[in-house]
Amino acid sequence: MINEKYIRNYPVPMLFLSLIFLVKSLFLAFYVTPLWAVPDEIGHYSYARDLADGKGVPVLGRGGVIGQDVMGYLEKSNNAKPARNWISQHPPIYYVIASWPLKIGELVTNDNDILWRIPRIISALSGALLLLVLFNTLSVIGLDATKAAAVAASIGFIPMVTNLSSGTSHDVTLFLFCAIAINYFTRYIMDREIRCAYWCALWLSLAAGVKVMTPLALSVPMVAILLLELSLPKRVWLKHAVGISMTAFFVPLMWMIRNAVIFGKFLYTSETDRAVLPIPLNKSLADYIHLNNVFDDFSSRFYGMFLDVTPGSGSLLMEGDAAPRHFTMHMYTLAGFPLVAFSLVVLIASCICIWKMFDLYLKAFRLDDINLEKINLMAWLGSWAIVSLCKRLLLLLTIILSTSVVVLFFNLNAGGILTTAIVSASIFLGFMSLPLVLLINDGRDKLFIYGFIIFMVFGSILLIHVYHTYIILGEVRATQGRYLYPVIPLVLLSASIALIKMRVPSMLINISVVILACSELLAFICQVIPFYNGASS
C-alpha cells in the first residue's frame, strides 16, 4: 500500500514513462519475443496453467508437468511426452496472479499462440508498476521529480528487464515486490513510523512467496537493520522485534515446513537430488573467479541475455528428464556499444558514490562526540567509538582494508576492465560503509551506506552459492544478473542519495538516461531481432 501523499505527487511525465514501458513490453510479448524464449518460460507457464486448470499447487517431481502440447510444439512432434516441471520448486504467489489472465483468456479464445502468451501480461504490468514504485521511493528521500523520473526510468531501459517483462517469468514480479519492501524500509529509516517497518516485513515475506532463496538473502540483513534501528523501550522493542521477524519470515517458513513434510528437507529444490561429482573440484574461490570470468558473465547477462528455441532439432537434456529432447536452446548476450555505454554510466555513478563516501568520512572525522545520541541499539553499539582517537583509527583502518581488498581483486579478476572497475567500486563502497553505521545518525546518509552493505552481503551470498554449485557439479551455473534484481532498488537508492548530496546537475542525469534509452533501442534493432530471426531460420 502506497501512501496517498506520494501517489498525488506522481507527475504526468513519470506516468507516461511507465505507460511507455507497459506498451513496449506488451508489444514485444505478443509480436517480437518468441514463445518460450525467456529463461524457464515453459516451466513458469505450465505452473500457472496448473493453477488456472484447478489442479492446485504442483509438487516437485510428483505432480506438475510441462504439458504434451507445449513439448509437442518444442519438439515438432505429435508424440511428445510431458516433461517434469522443475519450476514446481517455487512458492505459488506469482503463479496465482499469472493464472488469472490465462483463465480469462480461455473464456474468449482457444488459440494456443495467444493463450501461451497471455500470462506475459503480468510481467509487463509488474515492470510498469516497478518504475512507479522506484519513483515513489526516490521521492521519499527528497530527489526532485525530474531527477527521480529519470533515475526510475533508467531501469526500464535495461534490455534484460524489458526482455523479462515480455515473457512469462516471476523475475520482474519479484523485482516489484522487493522494490515495495525497500520503499517501506526507506520510509522507516527516514520517518521512524513503526507501521512502515511492518509493511516492509510483509512485502519481504510476500517476495519470498514468489521465490524463497533469493529474497531471503535480502530479508535477513534488512530485518536485522530494522531491529537495530528500532528506537523503543526494551520491552516494547522486544515485542516489535518478534512481530517484525515473524511477519518477514512467515511465508518462507510455511513453504519450508511444507517441504519438510513432503520431502523431509526444509530447503528442497530441483538441484537437491542432482547427481554430483564423486570428488568435488579442488578449486578455491579465487581459482573459480580467475578461471571462469564470473563477473563478466554476471555483468553481460545483467544487461542482456536472450534465448530462442529451434523446435524439432538438437538434443537437449532438460532438468529432471531421463532422456534428451529434440529441440535446441540458443543463447545470445549483448555486446558492443550498448553494453559499453551501460557500463560507463554505471561506472560514473559508482565514482559519484565514492565521492559521496569520502565526503561522509570527512564529516565523521570532524564529528563532535556530543552529536551521537544513543537513540537506538545501533547508536548504542557505536558509543564505544565516540572517543575521537578510536573513531579516526577505525576509519583509517577501514580505508586501508578496503583499498587492499580492491587491489587484491584487481589482481585476481581476469575479466574486462570496465566490469573489474565496477565490481571493485562496489566492494570498496561496501567495506567503507561498515564503520559508518556506528557513527552516523542522519536517516538519508544511513540509507546510503545500508544500500552498499546489503548489496555486499547479498552479492557475497550469491557468489558463494554459485561457487559451491561449481565445485560439486563441475559446471558454471546461475551466473545470471537477474538474480541481483531484489537488491537493485537499494543500489539505485544509494546512488540517488549521492546525486542529491553531490548536487549532480539534472542535465548529466538526463543525458545518461537518454544514452541508456538509445543503447537499448540500438541493441534490439542491431542485435536482438537479428538473433531471433537467425535462430528461427
Protein backbone atom coordinates (compact mmCIF):
# COMPACT_ATOMS: atom_id res chain seq x y z
CA MET A 1 0.00 0.00 0.00
CA ILE A 2 1.47 3.34 -1.11
CA ASN A 3 0.92 6.49 0.93
CA GLU A 4 -1.58 8.77 -0.80
CA LYS A 5 0.58 11.87 -0.37
CA TYR A 6 3.11 10.28 -2.72
CA ILE A 7 0.50 8.98 -5.20
CA ARG A 8 -0.77 12.53 -5.71
CA ASN A 9 2.77 13.64 -6.50
CA TYR A 10 3.24 11.35 -9.49
CA PRO A 11 3.89 13.79 -12.34
CA VAL A 12 2.45 13.19 -15.78
CA PRO A 13 5.91 12.52 -17.33
CA MET A 14 6.50 9.66 -14.85
CA LEU A 15 3.10 8.14 -15.56
CA PHE A 16 3.83 8.49 -19.29
CA LEU A 17 7.21 6.74 -18.91
CA SER A 18 5.53 3.89 -17.05
CA LEU A 19 2.86 3.64 -19.75
CA ILE A 20 5.52 3.63 -22.48
CA PHE A 21 7.28 0.76 -20.72
CA LEU A 22 3.99 -1.17 -20.47
CA VAL A 23 3.20 -0.67 -24.16
CA LYS A 24 6.77 -1.59 -25.15
CA SER A 25 6.69 -4.78 -23.09
CA LEU A 26 3.25 -5.84 -24.34
CA PHE A 27 4.26 -5.22 -27.96
CA LEU A 28 7.38 -7.34 -27.52
CA ALA A 29 5.38 -10.01 -25.63
CA PHE A 30 2.83 -10.55 -28.40
CA TYR A 31 4.78 -9.64 -31.56
CA VAL A 32 8.56 -9.93 -31.05
CA THR A 33 9.71 -12.21 -28.20
CA PRO A 34 9.34 -15.79 -29.48
CA LEU A 35 7.44 -18.37 -27.49
CA TRP A 36 9.48 -19.92 -24.67
CA ALA A 37 12.39 -17.53 -25.34
CA VAL A 38 12.51 -16.13 -21.80
CA PRO A 39 14.50 -18.10 -19.17
CA ASP A 40 12.46 -21.05 -17.83
CA GLU A 41 9.29 -19.76 -19.51
CA ILE A 42 7.92 -23.21 -20.30
CA GLY A 43 8.07 -24.06 -16.58
CA HIS A 44 6.59 -20.78 -15.38
CA TYR A 45 3.73 -21.02 -17.87
CA SER A 46 2.97 -24.64 -17.01
CA TYR A 47 2.85 -23.86 -13.26
CA ALA A 48 0.38 -21.02 -13.92
CA ARG A 49 -1.72 -23.27 -16.17
CA ASP A 50 -1.92 -25.96 -13.47
CA LEU A 51 -3.44 -23.36 -11.14
CA ALA A 52 -5.72 -21.97 -13.86
CA ASP A 53 -7.00 -25.51 -14.52
CA GLY A 54 -7.74 -26.06 -10.84
CA LYS A 55 -5.02 -28.67 -10.27
CA GLY A 56 -3.66 -26.90 -7.21
CA VAL A 57 -0.07 -26.14 -6.28
CA PRO A 58 2.14 -28.74 -8.02
CA VAL A 59 4.61 -30.85 -6.04
CA LEU A 60 8.12 -31.00 -7.45
CA GLY A 61 8.74 -34.39 -9.05
CA ARG A 62 5.34 -35.75 -8.03
CA GLY A 63 2.83 -33.60 -9.82
CA GLY A 64 3.23 -30.57 -12.05
CA VAL A 65 4.45 -31.27 -15.57
CA ILE A 66 5.10 -29.33 -18.75
CA GLY A 67 2.20 -30.40 -20.92
CA GLN A 68 2.28 -32.56 -24.02
CA ASP A 69 1.08 -29.64 -26.18
CA VAL A 70 3.99 -27.41 -25.13
CA MET A 71 6.55 -30.21 -25.54
CA GLY A 72 4.99 -31.13 -28.87
CA TYR A 73 5.47 -27.55 -30.06
CA LEU A 74 9.11 -27.58 -28.94
CA GLU A 75 9.90 -30.96 -30.49
CA LYS A 76 7.64 -30.60 -33.56
CA SER A 77 6.12 -33.94 -32.71
CA ASN A 78 2.62 -35.25 -32.08
CA ASN A 79 4.06 -37.97 -29.88
CA ALA A 80 5.99 -35.78 -27.42
CA LYS A 81 5.75 -36.77 -23.79
CA PRO A 82 5.12 -34.36 -20.90
CA ALA A 83 8.21 -33.21 -19.02
CA ARG A 84 8.93 -32.81 -15.33
CA ASN A 85 8.38 -29.19 -14.34
CA TRP A 86 11.37 -28.12 -12.24
CA ILE A 87 9.73 -24.74 -11.62
CA SER A 88 7.37 -26.51 -9.19
CA GLN A 89 10.11 -25.91 -6.60
CA HIS A 90 8.87 -22.32 -6.19
CA PRO A 91 6.06 -20.99 -3.95
CA PRO A 92 2.80 -20.12 -5.75
CA ILE A 93 2.18 -16.38 -5.25
CA TYR A 94 3.34 -15.25 -8.71
CA TYR A 95 1.63 -18.19 -10.41
CA VAL A 96 -1.70 -17.49 -8.69
CA ILE A 97 -1.54 -13.97 -10.16
CA ALA A 98 -0.41 -15.21 -13.60
CA SER A 99 -3.19 -17.81 -13.74
CA TRP A 100 -5.93 -15.17 -13.87
CA PRO A 101 -5.16 -13.77 -17.36
CA LEU A 102 -4.97 -17.38 -18.52
CA LYS A 103 -8.39 -18.19 -17.04
CA ILE A 104 -9.91 -15.13 -18.68
CA GLY A 105 -8.15 -15.83 -21.98
CA GLU A 106 -9.50 -19.38 -22.11
CA LEU A 107 -13.03 -17.95 -21.99
CA VAL A 108 -12.58 -15.94 -25.19
CA THR A 109 -10.15 -17.96 -27.36
CA ASN A 110 -8.67 -21.40 -27.87
CA ASP A 111 -5.75 -20.16 -29.97
CA ASN A 112 -2.60 -21.50 -28.28
CA ASP A 113 -0.43 -18.82 -29.83
CA ILE A 114 -2.43 -16.26 -27.82
CA LEU A 115 -3.03 -18.35 -24.69
CA TRP A 116 0.62 -19.27 -24.33
CA ARG A 117 1.48 -15.55 -24.36
CA ILE A 118 -1.33 -14.19 -22.18
CA PRO A 119 0.41 -14.67 -18.78
CA ARG A 120 3.14 -12.37 -20.09
CA ILE A 121 0.76 -9.51 -19.31
CA ILE A 122 1.58 -9.87 -15.58
CA SER A 123 5.31 -9.35 -16.20
CA ALA A 124 4.61 -6.28 -18.33
CA LEU A 125 2.34 -4.79 -15.65
CA SER A 126 4.90 -5.61 -12.95
CA GLY A 127 7.60 -3.78 -14.88
CA ALA A 128 5.43 -0.69 -15.36
CA LEU A 129 4.46 -0.64 -11.66
CA LEU A 130 8.11 -1.17 -10.73
CA LEU A 131 9.05 2.17 -12.33
CA LEU A 132 6.33 3.94 -10.32
CA VAL A 133 7.45 2.33 -7.06
CA LEU A 134 11.07 3.31 -7.72
CA PHE A 135 9.99 6.88 -8.44
CA ASN A 136 8.00 6.91 -5.21
CA THR A 137 10.99 5.67 -3.20
CA LEU A 138 13.30 8.29 -4.70
CA SER A 139 10.71 10.96 -3.87
CA VAL A 140 10.74 9.83 -0.23
CA ILE A 141 14.46 10.61 0.07
CA GLY A 142 13.93 14.07 -1.43
CA LEU A 143 15.13 13.64 -5.03
CA ASP A 144 13.24 16.18 -7.14
CA ALA A 145 10.60 14.89 -9.53
CA THR A 146 12.59 15.39 -12.75
CA LYS A 147 15.64 13.53 -11.49
CA ALA A 148 13.55 10.84 -9.79
CA ALA A 149 11.64 10.16 -13.00
CA ALA A 150 14.88 9.90 -14.99
CA VAL A 151 16.58 7.57 -12.50
CA ALA A 152 13.50 5.34 -12.13
CA ALA A 153 13.04 5.16 -15.90
CA SER A 154 16.66 4.06 -16.35
CA ILE A 155 15.75 0.59 -15.08
CA GLY A 156 13.22 0.31 -17.90
CA PHE A 157 15.98 0.86 -20.45
CA ILE A 158 17.95 -2.23 -19.43
CA PRO A 159 17.26 -4.75 -22.22
CA MET A 160 17.18 -7.72 -19.85
CA VAL A 161 14.47 -6.08 -17.74
CA THR A 162 12.50 -5.36 -20.90
CA ASN A 163 13.01 -8.92 -22.13
CA LEU A 164 11.81 -10.49 -18.87
CA SER A 165 8.85 -8.09 -18.83
CA SER A 166 7.80 -9.51 -22.20
CA GLY A 167 7.77 -13.12 -21.02
CA THR A 168 6.08 -15.39 -18.50
CA SER A 169 8.56 -15.23 -15.65
CA HIS A 170 8.47 -14.46 -11.94
CA ASP A 171 11.62 -12.31 -12.05
CA VAL A 172 10.02 -8.90 -12.67
CA THR A 173 7.21 -9.54 -10.18
CA LEU A 174 9.86 -10.47 -7.60
CA PHE A 175 11.71 -7.27 -8.53
CA LEU A 176 8.50 -5.30 -7.91
CA PHE A 177 7.74 -6.92 -4.52
CA CYS A 178 11.30 -6.30 -3.29
CA ALA A 179 11.13 -2.69 -4.52
CA ILE A 180 7.93 -2.17 -2.49
CA ALA A 181 9.61 -3.66 0.59
CA ILE A 182 12.57 -1.33 0.09
CA ASN A 183 10.15 1.58 -0.29
CA TYR A 184 8.80 0.93 3.21
CA PHE A 185 12.31 0.28 4.52
CA THR A 186 13.27 3.74 3.24
CA ARG A 187 10.25 5.37 4.88
CA TYR A 188 11.02 3.72 8.21
CA ILE A 189 14.64 4.89 8.23
CA MET A 190 13.55 8.40 7.20
CA ASP A 191 10.40 8.86 9.32
CA ARG A 192 10.63 6.18 12.08
CA GLU A 193 6.99 5.12 11.69
CA ILE A 194 6.71 1.58 13.08
CA ARG A 195 3.95 0.64 10.64
CA CYS A 196 6.45 1.11 7.78
CA ALA A 197 8.72 -1.50 9.37
CA TYR A 198 5.81 -3.96 9.42
CA TRP A 199 4.84 -3.17 5.83
CA CYS A 200 8.45 -3.73 4.81
CA ALA A 201 8.45 -7.10 6.60
CA LEU A 202 5.16 -8.08 4.95
CA TRP A 203 6.40 -7.37 1.43
CA LEU A 204 9.66 -9.21 2.12
CA SER A 205 7.54 -12.18 3.16
CA LEU A 206 5.41 -11.93 0.01
CA ALA A 207 8.58 -11.70 -2.10
CA ALA A 208 9.73 -14.97 -0.55
CA GLY A 209 6.35 -16.36 -1.62
CA VAL A 210 7.44 -15.71 -5.20
CA LYS A 211 10.89 -17.25 -4.85
CA VAL A 212 12.26 -18.37 -1.49
CA MET A 213 16.04 -18.39 -1.58
CA THR A 214 16.88 -15.10 -3.31
CA PRO A 215 14.61 -12.83 -1.22
CA LEU A 216 15.85 -14.49 1.98
CA ALA A 217 19.34 -13.19 1.19
CA LEU A 218 17.75 -9.72 1.17
CA SER A 219 15.37 -10.25 4.10
CA VAL A 220 17.98 -11.31 6.65
CA PRO A 221 20.16 -8.15 6.51
CA MET A 222 17.16 -5.83 6.07
CA VAL A 223 15.28 -7.24 9.06
CA ALA A 224 18.47 -7.15 11.14
CA ILE A 225 18.85 -3.44 10.32
CA LEU A 226 15.19 -2.75 11.10
CA LEU A 227 15.61 -4.32 14.53
CA LEU A 228 18.81 -2.44 15.25
CA GLU A 229 17.14 0.82 14.20
CA LEU A 230 14.06 0.44 16.41
CA SER A 231 14.03 3.41 18.80
CA LEU A 232 11.85 1.98 21.56
CA PRO A 233 12.00 0.99 25.26
CA LYS A 234 13.36 -2.54 25.82
CA ARG A 235 10.03 -4.29 26.45
CA VAL A 236 8.32 -2.59 23.52
CA TRP A 237 11.41 -3.21 21.37
CA LEU A 238 11.21 -6.94 22.07
CA LYS A 239 7.50 -7.05 21.16
CA HIS A 240 8.07 -5.32 17.82
CA ALA A 241 11.26 -7.28 17.12
CA VAL A 242 9.30 -10.51 17.40
CA GLY A 243 6.38 -9.09 15.38
CA ILE A 244 8.55 -7.80 12.53
CA SER A 245 10.61 -11.01 12.37
CA MET A 246 7.53 -13.26 12.34
CA THR A 247 5.93 -11.14 9.63
CA ALA A 248 9.03 -11.15 7.43
CA PHE A 249 9.69 -14.88 7.65
CA PHE A 250 6.14 -16.27 7.90
CA VAL A 251 5.62 -17.15 4.22
CA PRO A 252 9.06 -18.71 3.62
CA LEU A 253 8.75 -20.61 6.90
CA MET A 254 5.39 -22.06 5.82
CA TRP A 255 6.89 -23.13 2.49
CA MET A 256 9.87 -24.74 4.23
CA ILE A 257 7.55 -26.65 6.58
CA ARG A 258 5.65 -27.89 3.51
CA ASN A 259 8.93 -29.08 2.00
CA ALA A 260 9.86 -30.82 5.24
CA VAL A 261 6.51 -32.63 5.36
CA ILE A 262 6.63 -33.72 1.70
CA PHE A 263 10.34 -34.23 1.07
CA GLY A 264 11.87 -34.45 4.54
CA LYS A 265 14.03 -31.38 3.88
CA PHE A 266 13.31 -27.71 4.62
CA LEU A 267 15.23 -26.38 1.61
CA TYR A 268 14.30 -28.73 -1.22
CA THR A 269 14.86 -27.62 -4.83
CA SER A 270 15.30 -29.22 -8.23
CA GLU A 271 19.05 -29.39 -7.54
CA THR A 272 18.80 -31.12 -4.15
CA ASP A 273 18.94 -34.65 -5.57
CA ARG A 274 21.03 -33.81 -8.63
CA ALA A 275 23.97 -36.13 -9.28
CA VAL A 276 27.19 -34.53 -8.05
CA LEU A 277 30.84 -35.21 -8.77
CA PRO A 278 32.27 -38.20 -6.87
CA ILE A 279 35.05 -35.91 -5.70
CA PRO A 280 34.37 -32.14 -5.52
CA LEU A 281 36.65 -29.95 -7.62
CA ASN A 282 39.79 -28.88 -5.80
CA LYS A 283 39.37 -25.22 -6.71
CA SER A 284 39.39 -22.25 -4.36
CA LEU A 285 37.02 -19.32 -4.69
CA ALA A 286 39.92 -17.31 -6.10
CA ASP A 287 40.52 -20.00 -8.75
CA TYR A 288 36.83 -20.01 -9.62
CA ILE A 289 36.76 -16.24 -10.14
CA HIS A 290 40.03 -16.16 -12.06
CA LEU A 291 39.33 -19.09 -14.40
CA ASN A 292 35.67 -18.52 -15.28
CA ASN A 293 35.22 -14.76 -15.82
CA VAL A 294 32.34 -14.92 -13.35
CA PHE A 295 31.81 -11.18 -13.03
CA ASP A 296 31.88 -10.64 -16.78
CA ASP A 297 29.12 -13.23 -17.08
CA PHE A 298 27.08 -11.55 -14.37
CA SER A 299 27.59 -8.14 -15.98
CA SER A 300 26.74 -9.05 -19.57
CA ARG A 301 23.77 -11.21 -18.54
CA PHE A 302 22.50 -8.49 -16.23
CA TYR A 303 22.39 -6.11 -19.17
CA GLY A 304 21.03 -8.50 -21.77
CA MET A 305 20.82 -12.28 -22.17
CA PHE A 306 18.43 -13.50 -24.85
CA LEU A 307 17.23 -17.00 -25.66
CA ASP A 308 15.48 -18.65 -28.56
CA VAL A 309 14.30 -22.16 -29.30
CA THR A 310 14.74 -24.12 -32.52
CA PRO A 311 11.93 -26.71 -32.47
CA GLY A 312 12.44 -30.25 -33.70
CA SER A 313 16.25 -30.19 -33.81
CA GLY A 314 19.13 -30.87 -31.48
CA SER A 315 19.18 -32.99 -28.36
CA LEU A 316 18.67 -31.14 -25.08
CA LEU A 317 18.51 -32.83 -21.68
CA MET A 318 16.02 -30.85 -19.61
CA GLU A 319 16.26 -30.64 -15.84
CA GLY A 320 14.78 -33.78 -14.30
CA ASP A 321 14.31 -35.58 -17.64
CA ALA A 322 15.75 -39.06 -18.19
CA ALA A 323 16.16 -38.74 -21.98
CA PRO A 324 17.14 -35.80 -24.21
CA ARG A 325 14.51 -33.74 -26.01
CA HIS A 326 14.60 -32.81 -29.68
CA PHE A 327 14.95 -29.05 -29.64
CA THR A 328 17.80 -26.59 -29.31
CA MET A 329 18.09 -23.63 -26.94
CA HIS A 330 20.17 -20.76 -28.32
CA MET A 331 21.64 -18.01 -26.12
CA TYR A 332 22.95 -14.58 -27.02
CA THR A 333 24.40 -11.92 -24.71
CA LEU A 334 24.55 -8.30 -25.78
CA ALA A 335 27.93 -6.83 -26.64
CA GLY A 336 29.47 -3.82 -28.31
CA PHE A 337 28.42 -0.21 -27.86
CA PRO A 338 25.19 -0.77 -25.84
CA LEU A 339 26.98 -2.81 -23.17
CA VAL A 340 29.95 -0.42 -23.06
CA ALA A 341 27.64 2.60 -22.77
CA PHE A 342 25.70 0.98 -19.92
CA SER A 343 28.93 0.02 -18.14
CA LEU A 344 30.29 3.55 -18.44
CA VAL A 345 27.09 5.04 -16.97
CA VAL A 346 27.29 2.59 -14.04
CA LEU A 347 30.99 3.35 -13.54
CA ILE A 348 30.35 7.11 -13.47
CA ALA A 349 27.56 6.57 -10.93
CA SER A 350 29.97 4.45 -8.86
CA CYS A 351 32.55 7.24 -8.90
CA ILE A 352 29.92 9.72 -7.69
CA CYS A 353 29.07 7.32 -4.86
CA ILE A 354 32.75 7.03 -3.90
CA TRP A 355 32.95 10.83 -3.88
CA LYS A 356 29.97 10.90 -1.54
CA MET A 357 31.53 8.17 0.65
CA PHE A 358 34.71 10.21 1.16
CA ASP A 359 32.57 13.23 1.99
CA LEU A 360 30.92 11.16 4.75
CA TYR A 361 34.34 10.08 6.01
CA LEU A 362 35.47 13.71 6.24
CA LYS A 363 32.34 14.54 8.23
CA ALA A 364 32.90 11.54 10.50
CA PHE A 365 36.47 12.65 11.16
CA ARG A 366 35.24 16.09 12.23
CA LEU A 367 32.16 14.82 14.12
CA ASP A 368 31.96 16.02 17.72
CA ASP A 369 31.27 13.37 20.33
CA ILE A 370 28.08 15.05 21.53
CA ASN A 371 26.44 14.72 18.10
CA LEU A 372 25.97 10.98 18.51
CA GLU A 373 22.84 10.44 20.55
CA LYS A 374 22.02 6.92 21.75
CA ILE A 375 18.59 6.92 20.15
CA ASN A 376 18.56 3.20 19.31
CA LEU A 377 20.55 -0.01 19.52
CA MET A 378 22.70 0.91 16.52
CA ALA A 379 23.77 4.21 18.12
CA TRP A 380 24.40 2.41 21.40
CA LEU A 381 26.65 -0.09 19.63
CA GLY A 382 28.60 2.81 18.20
CA SER A 383 29.09 4.54 21.53
CA TRP A 384 32.38 2.71 22.10
CA ALA A 385 33.79 4.54 19.06
CA ILE A 386 32.89 8.00 20.36
CA VAL A 387 36.43 8.67 21.51
CA SER A 388 37.94 10.69 18.68
CA LEU A 389 41.22 8.78 18.51
CA CYS A 390 39.47 5.40 18.41
CA LYS A 391 36.99 6.64 15.81
CA ARG A 392 39.65 8.04 13.50
CA LEU A 393 41.81 4.95 13.82
CA LEU A 394 38.79 2.82 12.87
CA LEU A 395 38.12 4.93 9.78
CA LEU A 396 41.76 4.88 8.68
CA LEU A 397 41.98 1.10 9.11
CA THR A 398 38.79 0.69 7.06
CA ILE A 399 40.22 2.78 4.22
CA ILE A 400 43.39 0.67 4.24
CA LEU A 401 41.44 -2.60 4.35
CA SER A 402 39.02 -1.55 1.60
CA THR A 403 41.87 -0.44 -0.67
CA SER A 404 43.78 -3.67 -0.04
CA VAL A 405 40.76 -5.82 -0.91
CA VAL A 406 40.21 -3.86 -4.14
CA VAL A 407 43.88 -4.22 -5.15
CA LEU A 408 43.66 -7.97 -4.44
CA PHE A 409 40.52 -8.26 -6.56
CA PHE A 410 42.12 -6.32 -9.44
CA ASN A 411 44.98 -8.81 -9.48
CA LEU A 412 42.60 -11.76 -9.19
CA ASN A 413 39.87 -10.98 -11.71
CA ALA A 414 40.72 -11.78 -15.34
CA GLY A 415 37.66 -10.10 -16.84
CA GLY A 416 37.13 -6.87 -18.75
CA ILE A 417 38.45 -3.59 -17.36
CA LEU A 418 35.03 -1.93 -17.06
CA THR A 419 33.48 -4.86 -15.20
CA THR A 420 36.52 -5.13 -12.94
CA ALA A 421 36.34 -1.41 -12.14
CA ILE A 422 32.59 -1.56 -11.35
CA VAL A 423 32.90 -4.62 -9.12
CA SER A 424 35.94 -3.10 -7.39
CA ALA A 425 33.97 0.08 -6.72
CA SER A 426 31.08 -1.90 -5.21
CA ILE A 427 33.48 -3.87 -2.98
CA PHE A 428 35.18 -0.65 -1.89
CA LEU A 429 31.86 1.04 -1.11
CA GLY A 430 30.61 -1.99 0.82
CA PHE A 431 33.65 -2.21 3.08
CA MET A 432 33.88 1.56 3.52
CA SER A 433 30.24 1.66 4.68
CA LEU A 434 30.74 -0.71 7.62
CA PRO A 435 32.14 1.66 10.30
CA LEU A 436 29.82 4.49 9.30
CA VAL A 437 26.76 2.67 10.62
CA LEU A 438 28.19 3.31 14.10
CA LEU A 439 28.99 6.97 13.51
CA ILE A 440 26.09 8.49 11.58
CA ASN A 441 22.52 9.28 12.66
CA ASP A 442 21.18 11.13 9.61
CA GLY A 443 18.49 8.95 8.01
CA ARG A 444 19.38 9.67 4.41
CA ASP A 445 23.08 9.08 4.98
CA LYS A 446 22.26 5.81 6.72
CA LEU A 447 20.23 4.67 3.73
CA PHE A 448 23.20 5.48 1.52
CA ILE A 449 25.54 3.19 3.47
CA TYR A 450 22.92 0.50 4.19
CA GLY A 451 22.39 0.08 0.44
CA PHE A 452 26.01 -0.86 -0.14
CA ILE A 453 26.26 -3.06 2.95
CA ILE A 454 23.17 -5.07 1.99
CA PHE A 455 24.36 -5.30 -1.62
CA MET A 456 27.73 -6.62 -0.42
CA VAL A 457 26.06 -9.22 1.83
CA PHE A 458 23.60 -10.24 -0.89
CA GLY A 459 26.29 -10.43 -3.57
CA SER A 460 28.59 -12.45 -1.31
CA ILE A 461 25.83 -15.00 -0.61
CA LEU A 462 25.11 -15.31 -4.34
CA LEU A 463 28.81 -15.69 -5.19
CA ILE A 464 29.30 -18.38 -2.54
CA HIS A 465 26.23 -20.21 -3.84
CA VAL A 466 27.42 -20.30 -7.47
CA TYR A 467 30.92 -21.29 -6.32
CA HIS A 468 29.53 -24.16 -4.23
CA THR A 469 27.49 -25.32 -7.24
CA TYR A 470 30.64 -25.23 -9.35
CA ILE A 471 32.77 -27.40 -7.08
CA ILE A 472 30.10 -30.10 -6.56
CA LEU A 473 28.70 -30.20 -10.11
CA GLY A 474 31.78 -29.26 -12.09
CA GLU A 475 29.97 -26.64 -14.17
CA VAL A 476 29.41 -22.90 -14.04
CA ARG A 477 25.74 -22.22 -13.28
CA ALA A 478 23.48 -19.41 -12.08
CA THR A 479 25.80 -16.55 -13.12
CA GLN A 480 22.80 -14.53 -14.27
CA GLY A 481 22.40 -10.87 -13.47
CA ARG A 482 18.65 -11.21 -12.92
CA TYR A 483 19.41 -12.87 -9.60
CA LEU A 484 20.57 -9.43 -8.41
CA TYR A 485 17.18 -7.82 -9.03
CA PRO A 486 15.94 -7.97 -5.41
CA VAL A 487 18.74 -5.71 -4.20
CA ILE A 488 18.95 -3.33 -7.19
CA PRO A 489 16.39 -0.83 -5.75
CA LEU A 490 18.73 -0.33 -2.76
CA VAL A 491 21.70 0.32 -5.04
CA LEU A 492 19.60 2.78 -7.05
CA LEU A 493 18.56 4.42 -3.77
CA SER A 494 22.16 4.82 -2.59
CA ALA A 495 23.22 6.24 -5.96
CA SER A 496 20.32 8.71 -5.89
CA ILE A 497 21.31 9.93 -2.42
CA ALA A 498 24.80 10.56 -3.81
CA LEU A 499 23.24 12.55 -6.66
CA ILE A 500 21.40 14.70 -4.10
CA LYS A 501 24.34 15.25 -1.78
CA MET A 502 26.85 15.90 -4.55
CA ARG A 503 24.41 18.18 -6.40
CA VAL A 504 24.79 16.40 -9.72
CA PRO A 505 23.03 18.52 -12.37
CA SER A 506 19.84 17.29 -14.00
CA MET A 507 21.43 17.69 -17.42
CA LEU A 508 24.03 14.99 -16.69
CA ILE A 509 21.37 12.60 -15.36
CA ASN A 510 19.08 13.18 -18.35
CA ILE A 511 21.92 12.68 -20.84
CA SER A 512 22.83 9.40 -19.15
CA VAL A 513 19.25 8.13 -19.33
CA VAL A 514 18.93 9.17 -22.99
CA ILE A 515 22.13 7.21 -23.70
CA LEU A 516 20.64 4.17 -21.97
CA ALA A 517 17.40 4.50 -23.96
CA CYS A 518 19.24 4.84 -27.28
CA SER A 519 21.53 1.95 -26.38
CA GLU A 520 18.56 -0.30 -25.68
CA LEU A 521 16.89 0.65 -28.96
CA LEU A 522 20.16 0.02 -30.81
CA ALA A 523 20.59 -3.33 -29.04
CA PHE A 524 17.15 -4.54 -30.09
CA ILE A 525 17.44 -3.33 -33.68
CA CYS A 526 21.03 -4.45 -34.34
CA GLN A 527 21.41 -7.49 -32.11
CA VAL A 528 18.25 -8.92 -30.54
CA ILE A 529 15.87 -9.00 -33.52
CA PRO A 530 18.58 -10.33 -35.90
CA PHE A 531 19.34 -13.02 -33.30
CA TYR A 532 15.68 -14.05 -33.14
CA ASN A 533 15.44 -14.10 -36.94
CA GLY A 534 18.66 -16.08 -37.30
CA ALA A 535 17.81 -18.64 -34.65
CA SER A 536 14.40 -19.34 -36.15
CA SER A 537 15.56 -19.53 -39.75
